[in-house]
Amino acid sequence: MSAFYKICIILLIVGGLNWGLVGLFGFNLVAWLFGGATSAISRIIFTLVGVASICAIPSLFIDHND
Protein backbone atom coordinates (compact mmCIF):
# COMPACT_ATOMS: atom_id res chain seq x y z
CA MET A 1 0.00 0.00 0.00
CA SER A 2 1.43 3.36 -1.00
CA ALA A 3 2.02 6.22 1.40
CA PHE A 4 -0.71 8.19 -0.39
CA TYR A 5 -3.35 5.59 0.41
CA LYS A 6 -2.11 5.25 3.99
CA ILE A 7 -2.57 9.00 4.45
CA CYS A 8 -6.04 8.74 2.91
CA ILE A 9 -6.96 5.94 5.31
CA ILE A 10 -5.70 7.93 8.31
CA LEU A 11 -7.77 10.93 7.21
CA LEU A 12 -10.82 8.71 6.69
CA ILE A 13 -10.41 7.26 10.18
CA VAL A 14 -10.15 10.77 11.65
CA GLY A 15 -13.27 11.81 9.75
CA GLY A 16 -15.16 8.67 10.71
CA LEU A 17 -14.31 9.02 14.39
CA ASN A 18 -15.26 12.68 14.32
CA TRP A 19 -18.64 11.93 12.67
CA GLY A 20 -19.19 9.15 15.20
CA LEU A 21 -18.66 11.61 18.04
CA VAL A 22 -20.97 14.13 16.37
CA GLY A 23 -23.66 11.49 15.91
CA LEU A 24 -23.43 9.98 19.37
CA PHE A 25 -22.68 12.99 21.53
CA GLY A 26 -23.08 16.11 19.38
CA PHE A 27 -19.36 16.76 19.92
CA ASN A 28 -17.14 17.85 17.01
CA LEU A 29 -13.61 16.94 18.10
CA VAL A 30 -11.86 18.58 15.13
CA ALA A 31 -13.69 21.86 15.71
CA TRP A 32 -13.01 21.66 19.45
CA LEU A 33 -9.29 21.05 18.93
CA PHE A 34 -8.79 23.75 16.33
CA GLY A 35 -10.97 26.65 17.44
CA GLY A 36 -14.41 26.01 15.99
CA ALA A 37 -15.90 24.52 12.85
CA THR A 38 -15.32 27.71 10.88
CA SER A 39 -11.65 28.17 11.80
CA ALA A 40 -9.22 27.92 8.90
CA ILE A 41 -7.42 24.82 10.22
CA SER A 42 -10.70 22.98 10.89
CA ARG A 43 -11.91 23.75 7.39
CA ILE A 44 -8.59 22.53 5.95
CA ILE A 45 -8.91 19.26 7.88
CA PHE A 46 -12.54 18.82 6.79
CA THR A 47 -11.48 19.46 3.19
CA LEU A 48 -8.60 16.97 3.40
CA VAL A 49 -10.97 14.32 4.78
CA GLY A 50 -13.34 15.00 1.89
CA VAL A 51 -10.56 14.77 -0.69
CA ALA A 52 -9.31 11.54 0.92
CA SER A 53 -12.78 10.04 0.61
CA ILE A 54 -12.90 10.91 -3.09
CA CYS A 55 -9.42 9.43 -3.61
CA ALA A 56 -10.51 6.22 -1.85
CA ILE A 57 -13.42 5.57 -4.24
CA PRO A 58 -11.30 3.77 -6.89
CA SER A 59 -10.08 1.30 -4.26
CA LEU A 60 -13.63 -0.07 -4.14
CA PHE A 61 -13.15 -1.36 -7.68
CA ILE A 62 -9.62 -2.77 -7.36
CA ASP A 63 -9.01 -6.44 -6.61
CA HIS A 64 -6.79 -6.35 -3.53
CA ASN A 65 -6.08 -10.09 -3.59
CA ASP A 66 -3.22 -9.86 -6.13
PDB file of N, CA and C in Angstrom:
ATOM      1  N   MET A   1       0.857  -1.180   0.000  1.00  0.00           N
ATOM      2  CA  MET A   1       0.000   0.000   0.000  1.00  0.00           C
ATOM      3  C   MET A   1       0.898   1.236   0.000  1.00  0.00           C
ATOM      4  N   SER A   2       0.604   2.162  -0.878  1.00  0.00           N
ATOM      5  CA  SER A   2       1.433   3.364  -1.002  1.00  0.00           C
ATOM      6  C   SER A   2       1.194   4.331   0.164  1.00  0.00           C
ATOM      7  N   ALA A   3       2.139   5.220   0.335  1.00  0.00           N
ATOM      8  CA  ALA A   3       2.022   6.220   1.404  1.00  0.00           C
ATOM      9  C   ALA A   3       0.791   7.093   1.191  1.00  0.00           C
ATOM     10  N   PHE A   4       0.470   7.383  -0.075  1.00  0.00           N
ATOM     11  CA  PHE A   4      -0.705   8.192  -0.386  1.00  0.00           C
ATOM     12  C   PHE A   4      -1.968   7.558   0.166  1.00  0.00           C
ATOM     13  N   TYR A   5      -2.146   6.253  -0.070  1.00  0.00           N
ATOM     14  CA  TYR A   5      -3.350   5.590   0.410  1.00  0.00           C
ATOM     15  C   TYR A   5      -3.352   5.437   1.926  1.00  0.00           C
ATOM     16  N   LYS A   6      -2.184   5.301   2.531  1.00  0.00           N
ATOM     17  CA  LYS A   6      -2.111   5.250   3.992  1.00  0.00           C
ATOM     18  C   LYS A   6      -2.559   6.584   4.597  1.00  0.00           C
ATOM     19  N   ILE A   7      -2.139   7.683   3.980  1.00  0.00           N
ATOM     20  CA  ILE A   7      -2.569   9.003   4.453  1.00  0.00           C
ATOM     21  C   ILE A   7      -4.075   9.147   4.281  1.00  0.00           C
ATOM     22  N   CYS A   8      -4.593   8.686   3.138  1.00  0.00           N
ATOM     23  CA  CYS A   8      -6.040   8.738   2.908  1.00  0.00           C
ATOM     24  C   CYS A   8      -6.790   7.939   3.971  1.00  0.00           C
ATOM     25  N   ILE A   9      -6.292   6.767   4.301  1.00  0.00           N
ATOM     26  CA  ILE A   9      -6.958   5.936   5.310  1.00  0.00           C
ATOM     27  C   ILE A   9      -6.919   6.615   6.673  1.00  0.00           C
ATOM     28  N   ILE A  10      -5.797   7.210   7.029  1.00  0.00           N
ATOM     29  CA  ILE A  10      -5.702   7.928   8.312  1.00  0.00           C
ATOM     30  C   ILE A  10      -6.711   9.067   8.356  1.00  0.00           C
ATOM     31  N   LEU A  11      -6.809   9.832   7.264  1.00  0.00           N
ATOM     32  CA  LEU A  11      -7.773  10.927   7.213  1.00  0.00           C
ATOM     33  C   LEU A  11      -9.208  10.414   7.281  1.00  0.00           C
ATOM     34  N   LEU A  12      -9.480   9.282   6.631  1.00  0.00           N
ATOM     35  CA  LEU A  12     -10.823   8.709   6.686  1.00  0.00           C
ATOM     36  C   LEU A  12     -11.159   8.219   8.094  1.00  0.00           C
ATOM     37  N   ILE A  13     -10.187   7.690   8.793  1.00  0.00           N
ATOM     38  CA  ILE A  13     -10.407   7.264  10.183  1.00  0.00           C
ATOM     39  C   ILE A  13     -10.690   8.476  11.058  1.00  0.00           C
ATOM     40  N   VAL A  14      -9.902   9.541  10.889  1.00  0.00           N
ATOM     41  CA  VAL A  14     -10.147  10.775  11.654  1.00  0.00           C
ATOM     42  C   VAL A  14     -11.557  11.285  11.390  1.00  0.00           C
ATOM     43  N   GLY A  15     -11.933  11.333  10.108  1.00  0.00           N
ATOM     44  CA  GLY A  15     -13.267  11.807   9.752  1.00  0.00           C
ATOM     45  C   GLY A  15     -14.368  10.911  10.299  1.00  0.00           C
ATOM     46  N   GLY A  16     -14.155   9.602  10.200  1.00  0.00           N
ATOM     47  CA  GLY A  16     -15.159   8.668  10.714  1.00  0.00           C
ATOM     48  C   GLY A  16     -15.332   8.769  12.218  1.00  0.00           C
ATOM     49  N   LEU A  17     -14.230   8.868  12.938  1.00  0.00           N
ATOM     50  CA  LEU A  17     -14.312   9.017  14.394  1.00  0.00           C
ATOM     51  C   LEU A  17     -14.986  10.331  14.767  1.00  0.00           C
ATOM     52  N   ASN A  18     -14.648  11.382  14.040  1.00  0.00           N
ATOM     53  CA  ASN A  18     -15.263  12.682  14.320  1.00  0.00           C
ATOM     54  C   ASN A  18     -16.770  12.625  14.083  1.00  0.00           C
ATOM     55  N   TRP A  19     -17.195  12.040  12.951  1.00  0.00           N
ATOM     56  CA  TRP A  19     -18.636  11.928  12.673  1.00  0.00           C
ATOM     57  C   TRP A  19     -19.321  11.029  13.687  1.00  0.00           C
ATOM     58  N   GLY A  20     -18.626   9.999  14.152  1.00  0.00           N
ATOM     59  CA  GLY A  20     -19.194   9.155  15.204  1.00  0.00           C
ATOM     60  C   GLY A  20     -19.444   9.935  16.481  1.00  0.00           C
ATOM     61  N   LEU A  21     -18.484  10.773  16.849  1.00  0.00           N
ATOM     62  CA  LEU A  21     -18.661  11.615  18.038  1.00  0.00           C
ATOM     63  C   LEU A  21     -19.785  12.621  17.856  1.00  0.00           C
ATOM     64  N   VAL A  22     -19.884  13.189  16.640  1.00  0.00           N
ATOM     65  CA  VAL A  22     -20.972  14.130  16.365  1.00  0.00           C
ATOM     66  C   VAL A  22     -22.311  13.421  16.466  1.00  0.00           C
ATOM     67  N   GLY A  23     -22.392  12.233  15.890  1.00  0.00           N
ATOM     68  CA  GLY A  23     -23.656  11.489  15.905  1.00  0.00           C
ATOM     69  C   GLY A  23     -24.065  11.010  17.283  1.00  0.00           C
ATOM     70  N   LEU A  24     -23.107  10.540  18.053  1.00  0.00           N
ATOM     71  CA  LEU A  24     -23.434   9.984  19.372  1.00  0.00           C
ATOM     72  C   LEU A  24     -23.597  11.043  20.452  1.00  0.00           C
ATOM     73  N   PHE A  25     -22.729  12.048  20.414  1.00  0.00           N
ATOM     74  CA  PHE A  25     -22.679  12.989  21.527  1.00  0.00           C
ATOM     75  C   PHE A  25     -22.859  14.451  21.134  1.00  0.00           C
ATOM     76  N   GLY A  26     -22.989  14.721  19.833  1.00  0.00           N
ATOM     77  CA  GLY A  26     -23.084  16.110  19.383  1.00  0.00           C
ATOM     78  C   GLY A  26     -21.787  16.872  19.605  1.00  0.00           C
ATOM     79  N   PHE A  27     -20.657  16.155  19.621  1.00  0.00           N
ATOM     80  CA  PHE A  27     -19.361  16.762  19.918  1.00  0.00           C
ATOM     81  C   PHE A  27     -18.458  16.657  18.695  1.00  0.00           C
ATOM     82  N   ASN A  28     -18.020  17.798  18.171  1.00  0.00           N
ATOM     83  CA  ASN A  28     -17.138  17.854  17.011  1.00  0.00           C
ATOM     84  C   ASN A  28     -15.706  18.023  17.514  1.00  0.00           C
ATOM     85  N   LEU A  29     -14.960  16.935  17.550  1.00  0.00           N
ATOM     86  CA  LEU A  29     -13.605  16.943  18.103  1.00  0.00           C
ATOM     87  C   LEU A  29     -12.667  17.831  17.292  1.00  0.00           C
ATOM     88  N   VAL A  30     -12.741  17.759  15.971  1.00  0.00           N
ATOM     89  CA  VAL A  30     -11.861  18.577  15.132  1.00  0.00           C
ATOM     90  C   VAL A  30     -12.110  20.060  15.406  1.00  0.00           C
ATOM     91  N   ALA A  31     -13.366  20.457  15.434  1.00  0.00           N
ATOM     92  CA  ALA A  31     -13.694  21.856  15.714  1.00  0.00           C
ATOM     93  C   ALA A  31     -13.235  22.249  17.111  1.00  0.00           C
ATOM     94  N   TRP A  32     -13.415  21.376  18.062  1.00  0.00           N
ATOM     95  CA  TRP A  32     -13.007  21.665  19.446  1.00  0.00           C
ATOM     96  C   TRP A  32     -11.492  21.835  19.545  1.00  0.00           C
ATOM     97  N   LEU A  33     -10.747  20.974  18.863  1.00  0.00           N
ATOM     98  CA  LEU A  33      -9.290  21.048  18.928  1.00  0.00           C
ATOM     99  C   LEU A  33      -8.722  22.276  18.232  1.00  0.00           C
ATOM    100  N   PHE A  34      -9.388  22.720  17.164  1.00  0.00           N
ATOM    101  CA  PHE A  34      -8.792  23.746  16.327  1.00  0.00           C
ATOM    102  C   PHE A  34      -9.572  25.047  16.284  1.00  0.00           C
ATOM    103  N   GLY A  35     -10.374  25.332  17.292  1.00  0.00           N
ATOM    104  CA  GLY A  35     -10.971  26.652  17.436  1.00  0.00           C
ATOM    105  C   GLY A  35     -12.297  26.878  16.742  1.00  0.00           C
ATOM    106  N   GLY A  36     -13.085  25.853  16.580  1.00  0.00           N
ATOM    107  CA  GLY A  36     -14.406  26.009  15.985  1.00  0.00           C
ATOM    108  C   GLY A  36     -14.476  25.453  14.577  1.00  0.00           C
ATOM    109  N   ALA A  37     -15.690  25.145  14.152  1.00  0.00           N
ATOM    110  CA  ALA A  37     -15.901  24.521  12.852  1.00  0.00           C
ATOM    111  C   ALA A  37     -15.578  25.461  11.698  1.00  0.00           C
ATOM    112  N   THR A  38     -15.586  26.759  11.946  1.00  0.00           N
ATOM    113  CA  THR A  38     -15.320  27.708  10.875  1.00  0.00           C
ATOM    114  C   THR A  38     -13.885  28.226  10.875  1.00  0.00           C
ATOM    115  N   SER A  39     -13.043  27.736  11.804  1.00  0.00           N
ATOM    116  CA  SER A  39     -11.648  28.173  11.800  1.00  0.00           C
ATOM    117  C   SER A  39     -10.956  27.620  10.557  1.00  0.00           C
ATOM    118  N   ALA A  40      -9.917  28.302  10.138  1.00  0.00           N
ATOM    119  CA  ALA A  40      -9.217  27.920   8.905  1.00  0.00           C
ATOM    120  C   ALA A  40      -8.653  26.504   8.990  1.00  0.00           C
ATOM    121  N   ILE A  41      -8.030  26.151  10.107  1.00  0.00           N
ATOM    122  CA  ILE A  41      -7.425  24.823  10.222  1.00  0.00           C
ATOM    123  C   ILE A  41      -8.489  23.724  10.231  1.00  0.00           C
ATOM    124  N   SER A  42      -9.616  23.959  10.890  1.00  0.00           N
ATOM    125  CA  SER A  42     -10.703  22.979  10.888  1.00  0.00           C
ATOM    126  C   SER A  42     -11.232  22.771   9.480  1.00  0.00           C
ATOM    127  N   ARG A  43     -11.413  23.858   8.759  1.00  0.00           N
ATOM    128  CA  ARG A  43     -11.911  23.755   7.385  1.00  0.00           C
ATOM    129  C   ARG A  43     -10.917  23.029   6.489  1.00  0.00           C
ATOM    130  N   ILE A  44      -9.623  23.235   6.719  1.00  0.00           N
ATOM    131  CA  ILE A  44      -8.594  22.528   5.949  1.00  0.00           C
ATOM    132  C   ILE A  44      -8.679  21.029   6.239  1.00  0.00           C
ATOM    133  N   ILE A  45      -8.809  20.668   7.517  1.00  0.00           N
ATOM    134  CA  ILE A  45      -8.906  19.256   7.879  1.00  0.00           C
ATOM    135  C   ILE A  45     -10.167  18.638   7.288  1.00  0.00           C
ATOM    136  N   PHE A  46     -11.296  19.331   7.379  1.00  0.00           N
ATOM    137  CA  PHE A  46     -12.537  18.817   6.792  1.00  0.00           C
ATOM    138  C   PHE A  46     -12.378  18.630   5.285  1.00  0.00           C
ATOM    139  N   THR A  47     -11.708  19.563   4.632  1.00  0.00           N
ATOM    140  CA  THR A  47     -11.482  19.465   3.186  1.00  0.00           C
ATOM    141  C   THR A  47     -10.575  18.293   2.855  1.00  0.00           C
ATOM    142  N   LEU A  48      -9.511  18.099   3.634  1.00  0.00           N
ATOM    143  CA  LEU A  48      -8.604  16.972   3.401  1.00  0.00           C
ATOM    144  C   LEU A  48      -9.312  15.641   3.584  1.00  0.00           C
ATOM    145  N   VAL A  49     -10.188  15.555   4.574  1.00  0.00           N
ATOM    146  CA  VAL A  49     -10.967  14.319   4.777  1.00  0.00           C
ATOM    147  C   VAL A  49     -11.873  14.077   3.567  1.00  0.00           C
ATOM    148  N   GLY A  50     -12.491  15.132   3.067  1.00  0.00           N
ATOM    149  CA  GLY A  50     -13.343  15.001   1.887  1.00  0.00           C
ATOM    150  C   GLY A  50     -12.567  14.570   0.659  1.00  0.00           C
ATOM    151  N   VAL A  51     -11.397  15.149   0.444  1.00  0.00           N
ATOM    152  CA  VAL A  51     -10.555  14.766  -0.689  1.00  0.00           C
ATOM    153  C   VAL A  51     -10.089  13.317  -0.535  1.00  0.00           C
ATOM    154  N   ALA A  52      -9.733  12.922   0.675  1.00  0.00           N
ATOM    155  CA  ALA A  52      -9.313  11.540   0.920  1.00  0.00           C
ATOM    156  C   ALA A  52     -10.438  10.563   0.600  1.00  0.00           C
ATOM    157  N   SER A  53     -11.659  10.939   0.913  1.00  0.00           N
ATOM    158  CA  SER A  53     -12.780  10.041   0.614  1.00  0.00           C
ATOM    159  C   SER A  53     -12.982   9.903  -0.892  1.00  0.00           C
ATOM    160  N   ILE A  54     -12.798  10.980  -1.629  1.00  0.00           N
ATOM    161  CA  ILE A  54     -12.898  10.912  -3.094  1.00  0.00           C
ATOM    162  C   ILE A  54     -11.771  10.055  -3.663  1.00  0.00           C
ATOM    163  N   CYS A  55     -10.566  10.214  -3.135  1.00  0.00           N
ATOM    164  CA  CYS A  55      -9.420   9.428  -3.610  1.00  0.00           C
ATOM    165  C   CYS A  55      -9.560   7.950  -3.276  1.00  0.00           C
ATOM    166  N   ALA A  56     -10.336   7.621  -2.257  1.00  0.00           N
ATOM    167  CA  ALA A  56     -10.510   6.225  -1.855  1.00  0.00           C
ATOM    168  C   ALA A  56     -11.545   5.490  -2.706  1.00  0.00           C
ATOM    169  N   ILE A  57     -12.367   6.210  -3.449  1.00  0.00           N
ATOM    170  CA  ILE A  57     -13.419   5.572  -4.244  1.00  0.00           C
ATOM    171  C   ILE A  57     -12.870   4.530  -5.215  1.00  0.00           C
ATOM    172  N   PRO A  58     -11.794   4.796  -5.957  1.00  0.00           N
ATOM    173  CA  PRO A  58     -11.297   3.772  -6.890  1.00  0.00           C
ATOM    174  C   PRO A  58     -10.900   2.464  -6.212  1.00  0.00           C
ATOM    175  N   SER A  59     -10.493   2.522  -4.948  1.00  0.00           N
ATOM    176  CA  SER A  59     -10.080   1.297  -4.260  1.00  0.00           C
ATOM    177  C   SER A  59     -11.245   0.327  -4.074  1.00  0.00           C
ATOM    178  N   LEU A  60     -12.465   0.813  -4.211  1.00  0.00           N
ATOM    179  CA  LEU A  60     -13.628  -0.071  -4.143  1.00  0.00           C
ATOM    180  C   LEU A  60     -13.699  -1.012  -5.344  1.00  0.00           C
ATOM    181  N   PHE A  61     -13.060  -0.623  -6.438  1.00  0.00           N
ATOM    182  CA  PHE A  61     -13.151  -1.361  -7.683  1.00  0.00           C
ATOM    183  C   PHE A  61     -11.868  -2.094  -8.042  1.00  0.00           C
ATOM    184  N   ILE A  62     -10.904  -2.089  -7.130  1.00  0.00           N
ATOM    185  CA  ILE A  62      -9.620  -2.766  -7.356  1.00  0.00           C
ATOM    186  C   ILE A  62      -9.623  -4.079  -6.599  1.00  0.00           C
ATOM    187  N   ASP A  63      -9.148  -5.139  -7.269  1.00  0.00           N
ATOM    188  CA  ASP A  63      -9.014  -6.437  -6.614  1.00  0.00           C
ATOM    189  C   ASP A  63      -7.750  -6.408  -5.756  1.00  0.00           C
ATOM    190  N   HIS A  64      -7.917  -6.443  -4.449  1.00  0.00           N
ATOM    191  CA  HIS A  64      -6.793  -6.348  -3.526  1.00  0.00           C
ATOM    192  C   HIS A  64      -6.182  -7.702  -3.188  1.00  0.00           C
ATOM    193  N   ASN A  65      -6.589  -8.742  -3.871  1.00  0.00           N
ATOM    194  CA  ASN A  65      -6.077 -10.089  -3.587  1.00  0.00           C
ATOM    195  C   ASN A  65      -4.922 -10.482  -4.496  1.00  0.00           C
ATOM    196  N   ASP A  66      -4.311  -9.533  -5.202  1.00  0.00           N
ATOM    197  CA  ASP A  66      -3.224  -9.861  -6.131  1.00  0.00           C
ATOM    198  C   ASP A  66      -2.049 -10.418  -5.376  1.00  0.00           C
TER     199      ASP A  66
END
